[in-house]
Amino acid sequence: MKRKYEGSVRVKRAQLQALRRDFETLAMKDGESVTTYFARTMEISNKMRFHGEKMTDVTIVEKILRSLTTNFNYVVCSIEESKDIDVLSIDELQSSLLVHEQKIHRSSTTEE
């Protein structure tokens, strides 16, 4: 029983380390939608939480703001300046970024 438990703890720790690496290297890809990027981010963070990582929403929000493409730079600046990141929910952030993404698509189709 002891060996089995220690083995599962080691496996969990190894899985958590792999998830931490994935989370740290996570970045939005060029052409990727906000919705898809949030889904990837939440999938990794939920797996980390499942494996025992104490991950707050603030950590996820900060990671997302750091790892967006350059199209979102001025939106990230305005969010960081105008909102308290400590109380900003993931859903609020996603809504703000979706509005910006829609404006980008609207302006690119208008130019065409």
PDB file of N, CA and C in Angstrom:
ATOM      1  N   MET A   1       0.829  -1.188   0.000  1.00  0.00           N
ATOM      2  CA  MET A   1       0.000   0.000   0.000  1.00  0.00           C
ATOM      3  C   MET A   1       0.874   1.252   0.000  1.00  0.00           C
ATOM      4  N   LYS A   2       1.922   1.231   0.827  1.00  0.00           N
ATOM      5  CA  LYS A   2       2.811   2.382   0.928  1.00  0.00           C
ATOM      6  C   LYS A   2       3.509   2.656  -0.407  1.00  0.00           C
ATOM      7  N   ARG A   3       4.013   1.605  -1.057  1.00  0.00           N
ATOM      8  CA  ARG A   3       4.683   1.766  -2.353  1.00  0.00           C
ATOM      9  C   ARG A   3       3.731   2.310  -3.400  1.00  0.00           C
ATOM     10  N   LYS A   4       2.521   1.785  -3.383  1.00  0.00           N
ATOM     11  CA  LYS A   4       1.528   2.234  -4.362  1.00  0.00           C
ATOM     12  C   LYS A   4       1.236   3.719  -4.169  1.00  0.00           C
ATOM     13  N   TYR A   5       1.064   4.154  -2.925  1.00  0.00           N
ATOM     14  CA  TYR A   5       0.769   5.557  -2.645  1.00  0.00           C
ATOM     15  C   TYR A   5       1.948   6.439  -3.035  1.00  0.00           C
ATOM     16  N   GLU A   6       3.164   6.031  -2.675  1.00  0.00           N
ATOM     17  CA  GLU A   6       4.343   6.818  -3.014  1.00  0.00           C
ATOM     18  C   GLU A   6       4.523   6.906  -4.523  1.00  0.00           C
ATOM     19  N   GLY A   7       4.229   5.803  -5.215  1.00  0.00           N
ATOM     20  CA  GLY A   7       4.311   5.808  -6.677  1.00  0.00           C
ATOM     21  C   GLY A   7       3.323   6.772  -7.282  1.00  0.00           C
ATOM     22  N   SER A   8       2.104   6.778  -6.775  1.00  0.00           N
ATOM     23  CA  SER A   8       1.093   7.681  -7.328  1.00  0.00           C
ATOM     24  C   SER A   8       1.427   9.141  -7.006  1.00  0.00           C
ATOM     25  N   VAL A   9       2.040   9.387  -5.861  1.00  0.00           N
ATOM     26  CA  VAL A   9       2.455  10.747  -5.516  1.00  0.00           C
ATOM     27  C   VAL A   9       3.536  11.221  -6.487  1.00  0.00           C
ATOM     28  N   ARG A  10       4.485  10.332  -6.784  1.00  0.00           N
ATOM     29  CA  ARG A  10       5.547  10.685  -7.730  1.00  0.00           C
ATOM     30  C   ARG A  10       4.986  10.948  -9.117  1.00  0.00           C
ATOM     31  N   VAL A  11       4.055  10.115  -9.536  1.00  0.00           N
ATOM     32  CA  VAL A  11       3.433  10.298 -10.850  1.00  0.00           C
ATOM     33  C   VAL A  11       2.678  11.615 -10.891  1.00  0.00           C
ATOM     34  N   LYS A  12       1.921  11.900  -9.838  1.00  0.00           N
ATOM     35  CA  LYS A  12       1.187  13.162  -9.768  1.00  0.00           C
ATOM     36  C   LYS A  12       2.133  14.361  -9.820  1.00  0.00           C
ATOM     37  N   ARG A  13       3.237  14.260  -9.085  1.00  0.00           N
ATOM     38  CA  ARG A  13       4.216  15.338  -9.064  1.00  0.00           C
ATOM     39  C   ARG A  13       4.823  15.538 -10.456  1.00  0.00           C
ATOM     40  N   ALA A  14       5.140  14.442 -11.137  1.00  0.00           N
ATOM     41  CA  ALA A  14       5.699  14.526 -12.487  1.00  0.00           C
ATOM     42  C   ALA A  14       4.688  15.132 -13.460  1.00  0.00           C
ATOM     43  N   GLN A  15       3.427  14.733 -13.349  1.00  0.00           N
ATOM     44  CA  GLN A  15       2.387  15.298 -14.205  1.00  0.00           C
ATOM     45  C   GLN A  15       2.211  16.784 -13.931  1.00  0.00           C
ATOM     46  N   LEU A  16       2.254  17.155 -12.678  1.00  0.00           N
ATOM     47  CA  LEU A  16       2.114  18.557 -12.302  1.00  0.00           C
ATOM     48  C   LEU A  16       3.282  19.381 -12.843  1.00  0.00           C
ATOM     49  N   GLN A  17       4.482  18.831 -12.789  1.00  0.00           N
ATOM     50  CA  GLN A  17       5.651  19.530 -13.339  1.00  0.00           C
ATOM     51  C   GLN A  17       5.480  19.749 -14.845  1.00  0.00           C
ATOM     52  N   ALA A  18       4.983  18.745 -15.548  1.00  0.00           N
ATOM     53  CA  ALA A  18       4.750  18.872 -16.987  1.00  0.00           C
ATOM     54  C   ALA A  18       3.690  19.934 -17.268  1.00  0.00           C
ATOM     55  N   LEU A  19       2.646  19.964 -16.451  1.00  0.00           N
ATOM     56  CA  LEU A  19       1.594  20.963 -16.626  1.00  0.00           C
ATOM     57  C   LEU A  19       2.115  22.368 -16.323  1.00  0.00           C
ATOM     58  N   ARG A  20       2.967  22.483 -15.306  1.00  0.00           N
ATOM     59  CA  ARG A  20       3.567  23.789 -14.995  1.00  0.00           C
ATOM     60  C   ARG A  20       4.389  24.296 -16.169  1.00  0.00           C
ATOM     61  N   ARG A  21       5.166  23.392 -16.783  1.00  0.00           N
ATOM     62  CA  ARG A  21       5.964  23.770 -17.953  1.00  0.00           C
ATOM     63  C   ARG A  21       5.046  24.237 -19.087  1.00  0.00           C
ATOM     64  N   ASP A  22       3.962  23.477 -19.336  1.00  0.00           N
ATOM     65  CA  ASP A  22       3.009  23.856 -20.379  1.00  0.00           C
ATOM     66  C   ASP A  22       2.401  25.223 -20.089  1.00  0.00           C
ATOM     67  N   PHE A  23       2.068  25.467 -18.821  1.00  0.00           N
ATOM     68  CA  PHE A  23       1.463  26.742 -18.443  1.00  0.00           C
ATOM     69  C   PHE A  23       2.450  27.898 -18.616  1.00  0.00           C
ATOM     70  N   GLU A  24       3.698  27.668 -18.218  1.00  0.00           N
ATOM     71  CA  GLU A  24       4.713  28.720 -18.325  1.00  0.00           C
ATOM     72  C   GLU A  24       5.030  29.067 -19.770  1.00  0.00           C
ATOM     73  N   THR A  25       5.017  28.081 -20.649  1.00  0.00           N
ATOM     74  CA  THR A  25       5.366  28.326 -22.053  1.00  0.00           C
ATOM     75  C   THR A  25       4.154  28.659 -22.913  1.00  0.00           C
ATOM     76  N   LEU A  26       2.992  28.652 -22.321  1.00  0.00           N
ATOM     77  CA  LEU A  26       1.757  28.913 -23.049  1.00  0.00           C
ATOM     78  C   LEU A  26       1.752  30.327 -23.614  1.00  0.00           C
ATOM     79  N   ALA A  27       1.417  30.445 -24.877  1.00  0.00           N
ATOM     80  CA  ALA A  27       1.297  31.759 -25.518  1.00  0.00           C
ATOM     81  C   ALA A  27       0.251  31.662 -26.625  1.00  0.00           C
ATOM     82  N   MET A  28      -0.410  32.776 -26.874  1.00  0.00           N
ATOM     83  CA  MET A  28      -1.404  32.813 -27.931  1.00  0.00           C
ATOM     84  C   MET A  28      -0.702  32.743 -29.278  1.00  0.00           C
ATOM     85  N   LYS A  29      -1.238  31.941 -30.175  1.00  0.00           N
ATOM     86  CA  LYS A  29      -0.656  31.789 -31.507  1.00  0.00           C
ATOM     87  C   LYS A  29      -1.227  32.849 -32.437  1.00  0.00           C
ATOM     88  N   ASP A  30      -0.440  33.231 -33.439  1.00  0.00           N
ATOM     89  CA  ASP A  30      -0.945  34.179 -34.433  1.00  0.00           C
ATOM     90  C   ASP A  30      -2.155  33.581 -35.129  1.00  0.00           C
ATOM     91  N   GLY A  31      -3.214  34.346 -35.219  1.00  0.00           N
ATOM     92  CA  GLY A  31      -4.429  33.885 -35.864  1.00  0.00           C
ATOM     93  C   GLY A  31      -5.363  33.091 -34.969  1.00  0.00           C
ATOM     94  N   GLU A  32      -4.933  32.797 -33.757  1.00  0.00           N
ATOM     95  CA  GLU A  32      -5.772  32.039 -32.822  1.00  0.00           C
ATOM     96  C   GLU A  32      -6.830  32.970 -32.227  1.00  0.00           C
ATOM     97  N   SER A  33      -8.031  32.451 -32.066  1.00  0.00           N
ATOM     98  CA  SER A  33      -9.095  33.268 -31.494  1.00  0.00           C
ATOM     99  C   SER A  33      -8.945  33.348 -29.976  1.00  0.00           C
ATOM    100  N   VAL A  34      -9.536  34.387 -29.412  1.00  0.00           N
ATOM    101  CA  VAL A  34      -9.516  34.580 -27.968  1.00  0.00           C
ATOM    102  C   VAL A  34     -10.183  33.391 -27.276  1.00  0.00           C
ATOM    103  N   THR A  35     -11.295  32.945 -27.816  1.00  0.00           N
ATOM    104  CA  THR A  35     -12.034  31.833 -27.224  1.00  0.00           C
ATOM    105  C   THR A  35     -11.187  30.564 -27.187  1.00  0.00           C
ATOM    106  N   THR A  36     -10.501  30.270 -28.276  1.00  0.00           N
ATOM    107  CA  THR A  36      -9.654  29.079 -28.338  1.00  0.00           C
ATOM    108  C   THR A  36      -8.495  29.178 -27.361  1.00  0.00           C
ATOM    109  N   TYR A  37      -7.885  30.363 -27.285  1.00  0.00           N
ATOM    110  CA  TYR A  37      -6.759  30.539 -26.377  1.00  0.00           C
ATOM    111  C   TYR A  37      -7.200  30.395 -24.917  1.00  0.00           C
ATOM    112  N   PHE A  38      -8.339  30.974 -24.581  1.00  0.00           N
ATOM    113  CA  PHE A  38      -8.854  30.839 -23.215  1.00  0.00           C
ATOM    114  C   PHE A  38      -9.164  29.374 -22.904  1.00  0.00           C
ATOM    115  N   ALA A  39      -9.708  28.650 -23.863  1.00  0.00           N
ATOM    116  CA  ALA A  39     -10.019  27.236 -23.646  1.00  0.00           C
ATOM    117  C   ALA A  39      -8.738  26.446 -23.368  1.00  0.00           C
ATOM    118  N   ARG A  40      -7.683  26.702 -24.138  1.00  0.00           N
ATOM    119  CA  ARG A  40      -6.406  26.011 -23.899  1.00  0.00           C
ATOM    120  C   ARG A  40      -5.844  26.356 -22.528  1.00  0.00           C
ATOM    121  N   THR A  41      -5.895  27.634 -22.180  1.00  0.00           N
ATOM    122  CA  THR A  41      -5.369  28.086 -20.898  1.00  0.00           C
ATOM    123  C   THR A  41      -6.140  27.470 -19.737  1.00  0.00           C
ATOM    124  N   MET A  42      -7.451  27.480 -19.832  1.00  0.00           N
ATOM    125  CA  MET A  42      -8.279  26.942 -18.750  1.00  0.00           C
ATOM    126  C   MET A  42      -8.138  25.431 -18.643  1.00  0.00           C
ATOM    127  N   GLU A  43      -7.927  24.755 -19.765  1.00  0.00           N
ATOM    128  CA  GLU A  43      -7.731  23.307 -19.722  1.00  0.00           C
ATOM    129  C   GLU A  43      -6.479  22.966 -18.906  1.00  0.00           C
ATOM    130  N   ILE A  44      -5.389  23.664 -19.183  1.00  0.00           N
ATOM    131  CA  ILE A  44      -4.144  23.409 -18.456  1.00  0.00           C
ATOM    132  C   ILE A  44      -4.286  23.800 -16.985  1.00  0.00           C
ATOM    133  N   SER A  45      -4.853  24.965 -16.712  1.00  0.00           N
ATOM    134  CA  SER A  45      -4.967  25.408 -15.318  1.00  0.00           C
ATOM    135  C   SER A  45      -5.917  24.516 -14.515  1.00  0.00           C
ATOM    136  N   ASN A  46      -6.974  24.031 -15.131  1.00  0.00           N
ATOM    137  CA  ASN A  46      -7.882  23.113 -14.426  1.00  0.00           C
ATOM    138  C   ASN A  46      -7.203  21.779 -14.125  1.00  0.00           C
ATOM    139  N   LYS A  47      -6.384  21.300 -15.055  1.00  0.00           N
ATOM    140  CA  LYS A  47      -5.626  20.073 -14.799  1.00  0.00           C
ATOM    141  C   LYS A  47      -4.642  20.285 -13.655  1.00  0.00           C
ATOM    142  N   MET A  48      -4.013  21.468 -13.622  1.00  0.00           N
ATOM    143  CA  MET A  48      -3.076  21.773 -12.540  1.00  0.00           C
ATOM    144  C   MET A  48      -3.798  21.790 -11.200  1.00  0.00           C
ATOM    145  N   ARG A  49      -4.955  22.409 -11.160  1.00  0.00           N
ATOM    146  CA  ARG A  49      -5.747  22.442  -9.927  1.00  0.00           C
ATOM    147  C   ARG A  49      -6.141  21.032  -9.502  1.00  0.00           C
ATOM    148  N   PHE A  50      -6.504  20.208 -10.453  1.00  0.00           N
ATOM    149  CA  PHE A  50      -6.878  18.824 -10.161  1.00  0.00           C
ATOM    150  C   PHE A  50      -5.721  18.064  -9.524  1.00  0.00           C
ATOM    151  N   HIS A  51      -4.505  18.358  -9.964  1.00  0.00           N
ATOM    152  CA  HIS A  51      -3.325  17.679  -9.434  1.00  0.00           C
ATOM    153  C   HIS A  51      -2.776  18.344  -8.176  1.00  0.00           C
ATOM    154  N   GLY A  52      -3.515  19.309  -7.624  1.00  0.00           N
ATOM    155  CA  GLY A  52      -3.143  19.860  -6.328  1.00  0.00           C
ATOM    156  C   GLY A  52      -2.476  21.219  -6.344  1.00  0.00           C
ATOM    157  N   GLU A  53      -2.332  21.822  -7.507  1.00  0.00           N
ATOM    158  CA  GLU A  53      -1.717  23.152  -7.587  1.00  0.00           C
ATOM    159  C   GLU A  53      -2.698  24.194  -7.058  1.00  0.00           C
ATOM    160  N   LYS A  54      -2.208  25.069  -6.214  1.00  0.00           N
ATOM    161  CA  LYS A  54      -3.045  26.156  -5.698  1.00  0.00           C
ATOM    162  C   LYS A  54      -2.926  27.330  -6.667  1.00  0.00           C
ATOM    163  N   MET A  55      -3.816  27.382  -7.631  1.00  0.00           N
ATOM    164  CA  MET A  55      -3.750  28.401  -8.674  1.00  0.00           C
ATOM    165  C   MET A  55      -4.946  29.338  -8.546  1.00  0.00           C
ATOM    166  N   THR A  56      -4.661  30.624  -8.399  1.00  0.00           N
ATOM    167  CA  THR A  56      -5.732  31.608  -8.270  1.00  0.00           C
ATOM    168  C   THR A  56      -6.122  32.150  -9.637  1.00  0.00           C
ATOM    169  N   ASP A  57      -7.287  32.766  -9.686  1.00  0.00           N
ATOM    170  CA  ASP A  57      -7.729  33.406 -10.926  1.00  0.00           C
ATOM    171  C   ASP A  57      -6.786  34.537 -11.323  1.00  0.00           C
ATOM    172  N   VAL A  58      -6.215  35.220 -10.334  1.00  0.00           N
ATOM    173  CA  VAL A  58      -5.285  36.318 -10.619  1.00  0.00           C
ATOM    174  C   VAL A  58      -4.075  35.791 -11.397  1.00  0.00           C
ATOM    175  N   THR A  59      -3.578  34.638 -11.019  1.00  0.00           N
ATOM    176  CA  THR A  59      -2.442  34.032 -11.716  1.00  0.00           C
ATOM    177  C   THR A  59      -2.794  33.767 -13.179  1.00  0.00           C
ATOM    178  N   ILE A  60      -3.989  33.268 -13.413  1.00  0.00           N
ATOM    179  CA  ILE A  60      -4.427  32.958 -14.779  1.00  0.00           C
ATOM    180  C   ILE A  60      -4.626  34.241 -15.574  1.00  0.00           C
ATOM    181  N   VAL A  61      -5.259  35.235 -14.974  1.00  0.00           N
ATOM    182  CA  VAL A  61      -5.482  36.517 -15.647  1.00  0.00           C
ATOM    183  C   VAL A  61      -4.142  37.152 -16.029  1.00  0.00           C
ATOM    184  N   GLU A  62      -3.195  37.165 -15.099  1.00  0.00           N
ATOM    185  CA  GLU A  62      -1.880  37.755 -15.386  1.00  0.00           C
ATOM    186  C   GLU A  62      -1.170  36.997 -16.500  1.00  0.00           C
ATOM    187  N   LYS A  63      -1.265  35.677 -16.490  1.00  0.00           N
ATOM    188  CA  LYS A  63      -0.639  34.865 -17.530  1.00  0.00           C
ATOM    189  C   LYS A  63      -1.235  35.178 -18.892  1.00  0.00           C
ATOM    190  N   ILE A  64      -2.548  35.273 -18.956  1.00  0.00           N
ATOM    191  CA  ILE A  64      -3.215  35.572 -20.224  1.00  0.00           C
ATOM    192  C   ILE A  64      -2.789  36.947 -20.731  1.00  0.00           C
ATOM    193  N   LEU A  65      -2.781  37.934 -19.855  1.00  0.00           N
ATOM    194  CA  LEU A  65      -2.389  39.281 -20.271  1.00  0.00           C
ATOM    195  C   LEU A  65      -0.943  39.322 -20.773  1.00  0.00           C
ATOM    196  N   ARG A  66      -0.067  38.527 -20.180  1.00  0.00           N
ATOM    197  CA  ARG A  66       1.346  38.478 -20.590  1.00  0.00           C
ATOM    198  C   ARG A  66       1.559  37.781 -21.918  1.00  0.00           C
ATOM    199  N   SER A  67       0.675  36.864 -22.252  1.00  0.00           N
ATOM    200  CA  SER A  67       0.965  35.960 -23.362  1.00  0.00           C
ATOM    201  C   SER A  67       0.079  36.147 -24.588  1.00  0.00           C
ATOM    202  N   LEU A  68      -0.610  37.271 -24.672  1.00  0.00           N
ATOM    203  CA  LEU A  68      -1.412  37.560 -25.858  1.00  0.00           C
ATOM    204  C   LEU A  68      -0.512  38.019 -27.006  1.00  0.00           C
ATOM    205  N   THR A  69      -1.040  37.968 -28.220  1.00  0.00           N
ATOM    206  CA  THR A  69      -0.275  38.442 -29.372  1.00  0.00           C
ATOM    207  C   THR A  69      -0.161  39.966 -29.333  1.00  0.00           C
ATOM    208  N   THR A  70       0.698  40.513 -30.154  1.00  0.00           N
ATOM    209  CA  THR A  70       0.947  41.961 -30.156  1.00  0.00           C
ATOM    210  C   THR A  70      -0.280  42.765 -30.578  1.00  0.00           C
ATOM    211  N   ASN A  71      -1.247  42.128 -31.243  1.00  0.00           N
ATOM    212  CA  ASN A  71      -2.486  42.830 -31.615  1.00  0.00           C
ATOM    213  C   ASN A  71      -3.220  43.367 -30.392  1.00  0.00           C
ATOM    214  N   PHE A  72      -2.981  42.759 -29.250  1.00  0.00           N
ATOM    215  CA  PHE A  72      -3.706  43.098 -28.032  1.00  0.00           C
ATOM    216  C   PHE A  72      -2.899  43.995 -27.086  1.00  0.00           C
ATOM    217  N   ASN A  73      -1.726  44.458 -27.499  1.00  0.00           N
ATOM    218  CA  ASN A  73      -0.857  45.217 -26.597  1.00  0.00           C
ATOM    219  C   ASN A  73      -1.554  46.427 -25.978  1.00  0.00           C
ATOM    220  N   TYR A  74      -2.190  47.249 -26.799  1.00  0.00           N
ATOM    221  CA  TYR A  74      -2.793  48.456 -26.219  1.00  0.00           C
ATOM    222  C   TYR A  74      -4.019  48.137 -25.390  1.00  0.00           C
ATOM    223  N   VAL A  75      -4.700  47.039 -25.676  1.00  0.00           N
ATOM    224  CA  VAL A  75      -5.844  46.631 -24.864  1.00  0.00           C
ATOM    225  C   VAL A  75      -5.348  46.139 -23.499  1.00  0.00           C
ATOM    226  N   VAL A  76      -4.246  45.380 -23.503  1.00  0.00           N
ATOM    227  CA  VAL A  76      -3.656  44.905 -22.253  1.00  0.00           C
ATOM    228  C   VAL A  76      -3.260  46.094 -21.392  1.00  0.00           C
ATOM    229  N   CYS A  77      -2.629  47.097 -22.007  1.00  0.00           N
ATOM    230  CA  CYS A  77      -2.235  48.299 -21.258  1.00  0.00           C
ATOM    231  C   CYS A  77      -3.449  48.990 -20.659  1.00  0.00           C
ATOM    232  N   SER A  78      -4.496  49.135 -21.434  1.00  0.00           N
ATOM    233  CA  SER A  78      -5.679  49.835 -20.914  1.00  0.00           C
ATOM    234  C   SER A  78      -6.362  49.029 -19.809  1.00  0.00           C
ATOM    235  N   ILE A  79      -6.380  47.711 -19.930  1.00  0.00           N
ATOM    236  CA  ILE A  79      -6.971  46.872 -18.881  1.00  0.00           C
ATOM    237  C   ILE A  79      -6.149  46.988 -17.600  1.00  0.00           C
ATOM    238  N   GLU A  80      -4.826  46.911 -17.737  1.00  0.00           N
ATOM    239  CA  GLU A  80      -3.964  47.000 -16.560  1.00  0.00           C
ATOM    240  C   GLU A  80      -4.068  48.363 -15.883  1.00  0.00           C
ATOM    241  N   GLU A  81      -4.258  49.415 -16.665  1.00  0.00           N
ATOM    242  CA  GLU A  81      -4.366  50.765 -16.096  1.00  0.00           C
ATOM    243  C   GLU A  81      -5.734  51.043 -15.488  1.00  0.00           C
ATOM    244  N   SER A  82      -6.786  50.530 -16.110  1.00  0.00           N
ATOM    245  CA  SER A  82      -8.129  50.927 -15.693  1.00  0.00           C
ATOM    246  C   SER A  82      -8.799  49.962 -14.723  1.00  0.00           C
ATOM    247  N   LYS A  83      -8.325  48.728 -14.650  1.00  0.00           N
ATOM    248  CA  LYS A  83      -8.995  47.743 -13.808  1.00  0.00           C
ATOM    249  C   LYS A  83      -8.041  47.189 -12.764  1.00  0.00           C
ATOM    250  N   ASP A  84      -8.604  46.776 -11.662  1.00  0.00           N
ATOM    251  CA  ASP A  84      -7.822  46.136 -10.606  1.00  0.00           C
ATOM    252  C   ASP A  84      -7.675  44.665 -10.970  1.00  0.00           C
ATOM    253  N   ILE A  85      -6.474  44.281 -11.355  1.00  0.00           N
ATOM    254  CA  ILE A  85      -6.211  42.915 -11.812  1.00  0.00           C
ATOM    255  C   ILE A  85      -6.517  41.897 -10.705  1.00  0.00           C
ATOM    256  N   ASP A  86      -6.366  42.293  -9.453  1.00  0.00           N
ATOM    257  CA  ASP A  86      -6.611  41.374  -8.341  1.00  0.00           C
ATOM    258  C   ASP A  86      -8.069  40.948  -8.227  1.00  0.00           C
ATOM    259  N   VAL A  87      -8.990  41.757  -8.739  1.00  0.00           N
ATOM    260  CA  VAL A  87     -10.407  41.408  -8.649  1.00  0.00           C
ATOM    261  C   VAL A  87     -11.040  41.158 -10.019  1.00  0.00           C
ATOM    262  N   LEU A  88     -10.259  41.298 -11.077  1.00  0.00           N
ATOM    263  CA  LEU A  88     -10.757  41.064 -12.431  1.00  0.00           C
ATOM    264  C   LEU A  88     -10.980  39.564 -12.633  1.00  0.00           C
ATOM    265  N   SER A  89     -12.196  39.203 -13.008  1.00  0.00           N
ATOM    266  CA  SER A  89     -12.481  37.777 -13.208  1.00  0.00           C
ATOM    267  C   SER A  89     -12.028  37.344 -14.600  1.00  0.00           C
ATOM    268  N   ILE A  90     -11.862  36.063 -14.765  1.00  0.00           N
ATOM    269  CA  ILE A  90     -11.452  35.510 -16.050  1.00  0.00           C
ATOM    270  C   ILE A  90     -12.523  35.794 -17.102  1.00  0.00           C
ATOM    271  N   ASP A  91     -13.788  35.697 -16.727  1.00  0.00           N
ATOM    272  CA  ASP A  91     -14.884  35.967 -17.660  1.00  0.00           C
ATOM    273  C   ASP A  91     -14.899  37.420 -18.113  1.00  0.00           C
ATOM    274  N   GLU A  92     -14.654  38.356 -17.184  1.00  0.00           N
ATOM    275  CA  GLU A  92     -14.593  39.772 -17.552  1.00  0.00           C
ATOM    276  C   GLU A  92     -13.463  40.033 -18.534  1.00  0.00           C
ATOM    277  N   LEU A  93     -12.318  39.436 -18.268  1.00  0.00           N
ATOM    278  CA  LEU A  93     -11.177  39.596 -19.158  1.00  0.00           C
ATOM    279  C   LEU A  93     -11.497  39.039 -20.534  1.00  0.00           C
ATOM    280  N   GLN A  94     -12.087  37.867 -20.581  1.00  0.00           N
ATOM    281  CA  GLN A  94     -12.420  37.260 -21.864  1.00  0.00           C
ATOM    282  C   GLN A  94     -13.408  38.130 -22.636  1.00  0.00           C
ATOM    283  N   SER A  95     -14.383  38.686 -21.959  1.00  0.00           N
ATOM    284  CA  SER A  95     -15.366  39.555 -22.619  1.00  0.00           C
ATOM    285  C   SER A  95     -14.694  40.785 -23.218  1.00  0.00           C
ATOM    286  N   SER A  96     -13.811  41.415 -22.465  1.00  0.00           N
ATOM    287  CA  SER A  96     -13.101  42.589 -22.964  1.00  0.00           C
ATOM    288  C   SER A  96     -12.273  42.252 -24.193  1.00  0.00           C
ATOM    289  N   LEU A  97     -11.590  41.131 -24.138  1.00  0.00           N
ATOM    290  CA  LEU A  97     -10.735  40.746 -25.263  1.00  0.00           C
ATOM    291  C   LEU A  97     -11.550  40.318 -26.482  1.00  0.00           C
ATOM    292  N   LEU A  98     -12.706  39.705 -26.254  1.00  0.00           N
ATOM    293  CA  LEU A  98     -13.577  39.333 -27.376  1.00  0.00           C
ATOM    294  C   LEU A  98     -14.092  40.562 -28.111  1.00  0.00           C
ATOM    295  N   VAL A  99     -14.459  41.597 -27.364  1.00  0.00           N
ATOM    296  CA  VAL A  99     -14.912  42.842 -27.987  1.00  0.00           C
ATOM    297  C   VAL A  99     -13.803  43.420 -28.852  1.00  0.00           C
ATOM    298  N   HIS A 100     -12.595  43.434 -28.340  1.00  0.00           N
ATOM    299  CA  HIS A 100     -11.456  43.947 -29.098  1.00  0.00           C
ATOM    300  C   HIS A 100     -11.210  43.090 -30.343  1.00  0.00           C
ATOM    301  N   GLU A 101     -11.290  41.788 -30.199  1.00  0.00           N
ATOM    302  CA  GLU A 101     -11.077  40.884 -31.329  1.00  0.00           C
ATOM    303  C   GLU A 101     -12.112  41.134 -32.427  1.00  0.00           C
ATOM    304  N   GLN A 102     -13.353  41.356 -32.039  1.00  0.00           N
ATOM    305  CA  GLN A 102     -14.402  41.640 -33.017  1.00  0.00           C
ATOM    306  C   GLN A 102     -14.122  42.940 -33.754  1.00  0.00           C
ATOM    307  N   LYS A 103     -13.616  43.948 -33.047  1.00  0.00           N
ATOM    308  CA  LYS A 103     -13.273  45.218 -33.686  1.00  0.00           C
ATOM    309  C   LYS A 103     -12.130  45.039 -34.678  1.00  0.00           C
ATOM    310  N   ILE A 104     -11.162  44.213 -34.336  1.00  0.00           N
ATOM    311  CA  ILE A 104     -10.050  43.946 -35.247  1.00  0.00           C
ATOM    312  C   ILE A 104     -10.575  43.292 -36.522  1.00  0.00           C
ATOM    313  N   HIS A 105     -11.450  42.301 -36.370  1.00  0.00           N
ATOM    314  CA  HIS A 105     -11.992  41.602 -37.535  1.00  0.00           C
ATOM    315  C   HIS A 105     -12.863  42.535 -38.383  1.00  0.00           C
ATOM    316  N   ARG A 106     -13.624  43.385 -37.739  1.00  0.00           N
ATOM    317  CA  ARG A 106     -14.466  44.335 -38.443  1.00  0.00           C
ATOM    318  C   ARG A 106     -13.622  45.304 -39.259  1.00  0.00           C
ATOM    319  N   SER A 107     -12.568  45.819 -38.652  1.00  0.00           N
ATOM    320  CA  SER A 107     -11.733  46.772 -39.368  1.00  0.00           C
ATOM    321  C   SER A 107     -10.954  46.101 -40.495  1.00  0.00           C
ATOM    322  N   SER A 108     -10.540  44.853 -40.323  1.00  0.00           N
ATOM    323  CA  SER A 108      -9.804  44.161 -41.388  1.00  0.00           C
ATOM    324  C   SER A 108     -10.725  43.827 -42.561  1.00  0.00           C
ATOM    325  N   THR A 109     -11.991  43.490 -42.305  1.00  0.00           N
ATOM    326  CA  THR A 109     -12.926  43.211 -43.400  1.00  0.00           C
ATOM    327  C   THR A 109     -13.334  44.497 -44.101  1.00  0.00           C
ATOM    328  N   THR A 110     -13.377  45.616 -43.386  1.00  0.00           N
ATOM    329  CA  THR A 110     -13.705  46.902 -43.988  1.00  0.00           C
ATOM    330  C   THR A 110     -12.600  47.336 -44.940  1.00  0.00           C
ATOM    331  N   GLU A 111     -11.352  47.098 -44.542  1.00  0.00           N
ATOM    332  CA  GLU A 111     -10.216  47.465 -45.381  1.00  0.00           C
ATOM    333  C   GLU A 111     -10.180  46.664 -46.660  1.00  0.00           C
ATOM    334  N   GLU A 112     -10.623  45.399 -46.600  1.00  0.00           N
ATOM    335  CA  GLU A 112     -10.615  44.553 -47.790  1.00  0.00           C
ATOM    336  C   GLU A 112     -11.648  45.042 -48.773  1.00  0.00           C
TER     337      GLU A 112
END
